[in-house]
C-alpha atoms as a PDB file:
ATOM      1  CA  MET A   1     -41.311 -10.770 -10.886  1.00  0.00           C
ATOM      2  CA  LYS A   2     -41.464 -12.568  -7.560  1.00  0.00           C
ATOM      3  CA  SER A   3     -38.834 -15.028  -8.764  1.00  0.00           C
ATOM      4  CA  LEU A   4     -36.476 -12.162  -9.724  1.00  0.00           C
ATOM      5  CA  TYR A   5     -36.933 -10.594  -6.277  1.00  0.00           C
ATOM      6  CA  TRP A   6     -36.051 -13.854  -4.509  1.00  0.00           C
ATOM      7  CA  THR A   7     -33.093 -14.458  -6.825  1.00  0.00           C
ATOM      8  CA  LEU A   8     -31.708 -10.978  -6.101  1.00  0.00           C
ATOM      9  CA  ALA A   9     -32.335 -11.369  -2.364  1.00  0.00           C
ATOM     10  CA  PHE A  10     -30.580 -14.742  -2.373  1.00  0.00           C
ATOM     11  CA  ALA A  11     -27.629 -13.297  -4.329  1.00  0.00           C
ATOM     12  CA  ALA A  12     -27.334 -10.386  -1.881  1.00  0.00           C
ATOM     13  CA  LEU A  13     -27.467 -12.760   1.088  1.00  0.00           C
ATOM     14  CA  LEU A  14     -24.844 -14.995  -0.528  1.00  0.00           C
ATOM     15  CA  ALA A  15     -22.560 -11.991  -1.183  1.00  0.00           C
ATOM     16  CA  LEU A  16     -22.968 -10.844   2.414  1.00  0.00           C
ATOM     17  CA  ALA A  17     -22.197 -14.317   3.758  1.00  0.00           C
ATOM     18  CA  ALA A  18     -19.148 -14.611   1.475  1.00  0.00           C
ATOM     19  CA  GLY A  19     -17.745 -11.509   3.148  1.00  0.00           C
ATOM     20  CA  PHE A  20     -17.511 -13.453   6.385  1.00  0.00           C
ATOM     21  CA  ILE A  21     -15.426 -16.281   4.941  1.00  0.00           C
ATOM     22  CA  PRO A  22     -12.301 -16.507   7.109  1.00  0.00           C
ATOM     23  CA  LEU A  23      -9.020 -16.099   5.245  1.00  0.00           C
ATOM     24  CA  HIS A  24      -5.465 -15.225   6.282  1.00  0.00           C
ATOM     25  CA  GLY A  25      -3.774 -11.914   5.691  1.00  0.00           C
ATOM     26  CA  LEU A  26      -0.314 -10.435   5.999  1.00  0.00           C
ATOM     27  CA  GLU A  27      -0.666  -7.158   7.867  1.00  0.00           C
ATOM     28  CA  VAL A  28       1.771  -4.238   8.060  1.00  0.00           C
ATOM     29  CA  ARG A  29       0.879  -1.911  10.907  1.00  0.00           C
ATOM     30  CA  GLU A  30       2.632   1.322  11.864  1.00  0.00           C
ATOM     31  CA  SER A  31       3.734   2.464  15.343  1.00  0.00           C
ATOM     32  CA  GLY A  32       5.156  -0.935  16.162  1.00  0.00           C
ATOM     33  CA  GLY A  33       1.770  -2.582  15.883  1.00  0.00           C
ATOM     34  CA  THR A  34      -0.476  -0.088  17.656  1.00  0.00           C
ATOM     35  CA  GLY A  35      -1.068   2.272  14.728  1.00  0.00           C
ATOM     36  CA  ARG A  36      -3.082   2.051  11.569  1.00  0.00           C
ATOM     37  CA  VAL A  37      -2.876  -0.843   9.119  1.00  0.00           C
ATOM     38  CA  VAL A  38      -0.944   0.403   6.079  1.00  0.00           C
ATOM     39  CA  LEU A  39      -1.003  -2.840   4.104  1.00  0.00           C
ATOM     40  CA  LEU A  40      -3.190  -5.928   4.259  1.00  0.00           C
ATOM     41  CA  LYS A  41      -2.700  -8.676   1.711  1.00  0.00           C
ATOM     42  CA  ARG A  42      -4.288 -12.111   1.518  1.00  0.00           C
ATOM     43  CA  VAL A  43      -1.771 -14.917   1.974  1.00  0.00           C
ATOM     44  CA  ALA A  44      -1.891 -18.674   1.603  1.00  0.00           C
ATOM     45  CA  PRO A  45       0.604 -21.433   2.373  1.00  0.00           C
ATOM     46  CA  GLY A  46       3.559 -21.258  -0.019  1.00  0.00           C
ATOM     47  CA  ASP A  47       3.291 -17.505  -0.666  1.00  0.00           C
ATOM     48  CA  THR A  48       6.611 -15.668  -0.461  1.00  0.00           C
ATOM     49  CA  PHE A  49       7.703 -12.075   0.117  1.00  0.00           C
ATOM     50  CA  THR A  50      10.892 -10.127   0.699  1.00  0.00           C
ATOM     51  CA  LEU A  51      11.939  -7.241   2.894  1.00  0.00           C
ATOM     52  CA  SER A  52      14.919  -5.162   1.737  1.00  0.00           C
ATOM     53  CA  PHE A  53      16.640  -2.319   3.547  1.00  0.00           C
ATOM     54  CA  VAL A  54      20.005  -0.685   4.111  1.00  0.00           C
ATOM     55  CA  HIS A  55      21.566  -1.786   7.391  1.00  0.00           C
ATOM     56  CA  SER A  56      21.768   1.320   9.587  1.00  0.00           C
ATOM     57  CA  VAL A  57      25.270   0.588  10.932  1.00  0.00           C
ATOM     58  CA  GLU A  58      26.972  -1.240   8.062  1.00  0.00           C
ATOM     59  CA  LYS A  59      25.267   0.793   5.298  1.00  0.00           C
ATOM     60  CA  SER A  60      24.972  -2.364   3.197  1.00  0.00           C
ATOM     61  CA  GLU A  61      21.818  -3.712   1.606  1.00  0.00           C
ATOM     62  CA  VAL A  62      20.059  -6.611   3.305  1.00  0.00           C
ATOM     63  CA  THR A  63      17.296  -8.695   1.738  1.00  0.00           C
ATOM     64  CA  ASP A  64      15.338 -11.193   3.827  1.00  0.00           C
ATOM     65  CA  TYR A  65      13.224 -13.882   2.131  1.00  0.00           C
ATOM     66  CA  PHE A  66      10.080 -15.221   3.801  1.00  0.00           C
ATOM     67  CA  ARG A  67       7.399 -17.784   3.054  1.00  0.00           C
ATOM     68  CA  ILE A  68       4.030 -18.547   4.609  1.00  0.00           C
ATOM     69  CA  ASP A  69       3.853 -22.099   5.969  1.00  0.00           C
ATOM     70  CA  ASP A  70       0.866 -24.452   6.234  1.00  0.00           C
ATOM     71  CA  ASP A  71      -0.071 -22.934   9.609  1.00  0.00           C
ATOM     72  CA  HIS A  72       0.036 -19.395   8.125  1.00  0.00           C
ATOM     73  CA  ARG A  73       3.192 -18.507  10.040  1.00  0.00           C
ATOM     74  CA  ILE A  74       6.012 -16.347   8.683  1.00  0.00           C
ATOM     75  CA  ILE A  75       9.163 -18.385   7.985  1.00  0.00           C
ATOM     76  CA  LEU A  76      12.531 -16.742   7.258  1.00  0.00           C
ATOM     77  CA  TYR A  77      14.187 -19.068   4.737  1.00  0.00           C
ATOM     78  CA  GLN A  78      17.027 -16.966   3.316  1.00  0.00           C
ATOM     79  CA  THR A  79      18.888 -13.714   3.859  1.00  0.00           C
ATOM     80  CA  GLU A  80      21.387 -11.853   1.655  1.00  0.00           C
ATOM     81  CA  PHE A  81      23.706  -9.116   2.864  1.00  0.00           C
ATOM     82  CA  GLY A  82      26.772  -7.190   1.749  1.00  0.00           C
ATOM     83  CA  SER A  83      29.142  -7.497   4.718  1.00  0.00           C
ATOM     84  CA  LEU A  84      29.950  -9.598   7.769  1.00  0.00           C
ATOM     85  CA  ASN A  85      30.279  -6.878  10.354  1.00  0.00           C
ATOM     86  CA  THR A  86      28.190  -5.468  13.197  1.00  0.00           C
ATOM     87  CA  GLY A  87      24.654  -6.823  13.462  1.00  0.00           C
ATOM     88  CA  LEU A  88      24.786  -9.065  10.404  1.00  0.00           C
ATOM     89  CA  PRO A  89      24.748 -12.892  10.428  1.00  0.00           C
ATOM     90  CA  ALA A  90      28.084 -14.679  10.658  1.00  0.00           C
ATOM     91  CA  VAL A  91      27.207 -18.017  12.307  1.00  0.00           C
ATOM     92  CA  VAL A  92      25.228 -20.910  10.840  1.00  0.00           C
ATOM     93  CA  SER A  93      23.204 -23.584  12.597  1.00  0.00           C
ATOM     94  CA  GLY A  94      22.746 -27.201  11.560  1.00  0.00           C
ATOM     95  CA  GLY A  95      21.652 -27.584   7.944  1.00  0.00           C
ATOM     96  CA  GLU A  96      21.994 -23.894   7.094  1.00  0.00           C
ATOM     97  CA  VAL A  97      24.182 -22.913   4.158  1.00  0.00           C
ATOM     98  CA  PHE A  98      26.503 -19.900   4.177  1.00  0.00           C
ATOM     99  CA  GLU A  99      28.015 -18.814   0.866  1.00  0.00           C
ATOM    100  CA  ARG A 100      29.728 -15.901  -0.837  1.00  0.00           C
ATOM    101  CA  THR A 101      27.878 -14.307  -3.780  1.00  0.00           C
ATOM    102  CA  ASP A 102      28.481 -11.481  -6.250  1.00  0.00           C
ATOM    103  CA  ARG A 103      26.508  -9.167  -3.908  1.00  0.00           C
ATOM    104  CA  GLY A 104      28.204 -10.280  -0.731  1.00  0.00           C
ATOM    105  CA  PHE A 105      26.890 -13.218   1.283  1.00  0.00           C
ATOM    106  CA  ARG A 106      23.866 -15.499   1.452  1.00  0.00           C
ATOM    107  CA  LEU A 107      22.575 -17.527   4.366  1.00  0.00           C
ATOM    108  CA  SER A 108      20.066 -20.094   3.091  1.00  0.00           C
ATOM    109  CA  ASN A 109      18.232 -23.258   4.068  1.00  0.00           C
ATOM    110  CA  LEU A 110      16.878 -21.425   7.101  1.00  0.00           C
ATOM    111  CA  ASN A 111      13.650 -22.401   8.776  1.00  0.00           C
ATOM    112  CA  ARG A 112      13.129 -19.683  11.365  1.00  0.00           C
ATOM    113  CA  VAL A 113       9.559 -19.151  12.537  1.00  0.00           C
ATOM    114  CA  LEU A 114       8.813 -15.478  13.227  1.00  0.00           C
ATOM    115  CA  PRO A 115       5.513 -14.744  14.993  1.00  0.00           C
ATOM    116  CA  GLU A 116       5.942 -11.139  13.846  1.00  0.00           C
ATOM    117  CA  ILE A 117       8.587  -8.880  12.352  1.00  0.00           C
ATOM    118  CA  HIS A 118       9.423  -5.497  13.830  1.00  0.00           C
ATOM    119  CA  LEU A 119      11.183  -3.336  11.261  1.00  0.00           C
ATOM    120  CA  TRP A 120      12.347   0.252  11.675  1.00  0.00           C
ATOM    121  CA  VAL A 121      11.998   2.044   8.346  1.00  0.00           C
ATOM    122  CA  HIS A 122      13.366   5.431   7.374  1.00  0.00           C
ATOM    123  CA  GLU A 123      13.593   7.156   4.025  1.00  0.00           C
ATOM    124  CA  ASP A 124      17.405   7.350   4.439  1.00  0.00           C
ATOM    125  CA  TYR A 125      17.649   3.541   4.651  1.00  0.00           C
ATOM    126  CA  GLY A 126      15.005   2.538   2.167  1.00  0.00           C
ATOM    127  CA  GLY A 127      12.889  -0.346   3.228  1.00  0.00           C
ATOM    128  CA  SER A 128      10.798  -2.187   0.689  1.00  0.00           C
ATOM    129  CA  PHE A 129       8.273  -4.988   0.727  1.00  0.00           C
ATOM    130  CA  ALA A 130       7.970  -7.158  -2.397  1.00  0.00           C
ATOM    131  CA  MET A 131       5.319  -9.760  -3.148  1.00  0.00           C
ATOM    132  CA  ASP A 132       3.731 -11.083  -6.330  1.00  0.00           C
ATOM    133  CA  GLY A 133       6.009  -8.921  -8.493  1.00  0.00           C
ATOM    134  CA  ARG A 134       4.948  -5.705  -6.747  1.00  0.00           C
ATOM    135  CA  VAL A 135       7.470  -3.662  -4.750  1.00  0.00           C
ATOM    136  CA  VAL A 136       6.242  -1.180  -2.136  1.00  0.00           C
ATOM    137  CA  SER A 137       8.410   1.448  -0.441  1.00  0.00           C
ATOM    138  CA  LEU A 138       7.618   1.113   3.258  1.00  0.00           C
ATOM    139  CA  PRO A 139       8.714   4.670   4.253  1.00  0.00           C
ATOM    140  CA  ALA A 140       6.542   6.080   1.430  1.00  0.00           C
ATOM    141  CA  LEU A 141       3.630   3.960   2.637  1.00  0.00           C
ATOM    142  CA  ALA A 142       3.948   4.487   6.398  1.00  0.00           C
ATOM    143  CA  GLY A 143       6.507   7.236   6.992  1.00  0.00           C
ATOM    144  CA  ASN A 144       9.583   6.869   9.165  1.00  0.00           C
ATOM    145  CA  GLY A 145       9.105   4.627  12.178  1.00  0.00           C
ATOM    146  CA  LEU A 146       8.620   1.156  13.562  1.00  0.00           C
ATOM    147  CA  LEU A 147       6.392  -1.274  11.665  1.00  0.00           C
ATOM    148  CA  ARG A 148       5.005  -4.617  12.746  1.00  0.00           C
ATOM    149  CA  ILE A 149       4.471  -7.279  10.100  1.00  0.00           C
ATOM    150  CA  SER A 150       2.399 -10.299  11.051  1.00  0.00           C
ATOM    151  CA  THR A 151      -0.211 -12.723   9.799  1.00  0.00           C
ATOM    152  CA  ARG A 152      -3.718 -12.864  11.145  1.00  0.00           C
ATOM    153  CA  ARG A 153      -7.128 -14.240  10.333  1.00  0.00           C
ATOM    154  CA  VAL A 154      -9.149 -11.804   8.222  1.00  0.00           C
ATOM    155  CA  PHE A 155     -12.546 -11.823   6.591  1.00  0.00           C
ATOM    156  CA  ALA A 156     -13.065 -11.424   2.870  1.00  0.00           C
ATOM    157  CA  TRP A 157     -14.887  -8.101   3.428  1.00  0.00           C
ATOM    158  CA  GLU A 158     -11.733  -6.609   5.033  1.00  0.00           C
ATOM    159  CA  LEU A 159      -9.706  -7.417   1.946  1.00  0.00           C
ATOM    160  CA  LEU A 160     -12.450  -6.142  -0.330  1.00  0.00           C
ATOM    161  CA  LEU A 161     -12.603  -2.785   1.492  1.00  0.00           C
ATOM    162  CA  ARG A 162      -8.819  -2.378   1.115  1.00  0.00           C
ATOM    163  CA  ALA A 163      -9.090  -3.080  -2.614  1.00  0.00           C
ATOM    164  CA  LEU A 164     -11.599  -0.257  -3.143  1.00  0.00           C
END
């Protein structure tokens, strides 16, 4: 009986300690970063995600492609868009590739480090986040307003609480 008690106590202590293992998470926070966290997902180097929305001026769909690098930073590596007008990319830098596609245009071979992404979402313009085959409507998740997307160090218990 004593052995069972110590085994259970050790298992509980191990589970508690595991909750304090530092990991990295991708966080979406409302109110431009001062509001509540509406999405927190564990990320590792090589993970990718997309943000899609309708450009508020051009009314054309834009999809930005991101990856998490070895330092857990957000890297913009590709963007696709339907027109070349106001507020949309039209100039390439060294090594970047600009091409016409069936949807419009693609700018690829980018390597732009973004410490955080500020994205205004509104139900009229869509706004979706896609990762691991799951697509989330950002206005449905957080309402209309400014979101901040960033990576940060998290503990396993934070991710576990979000999963419940």
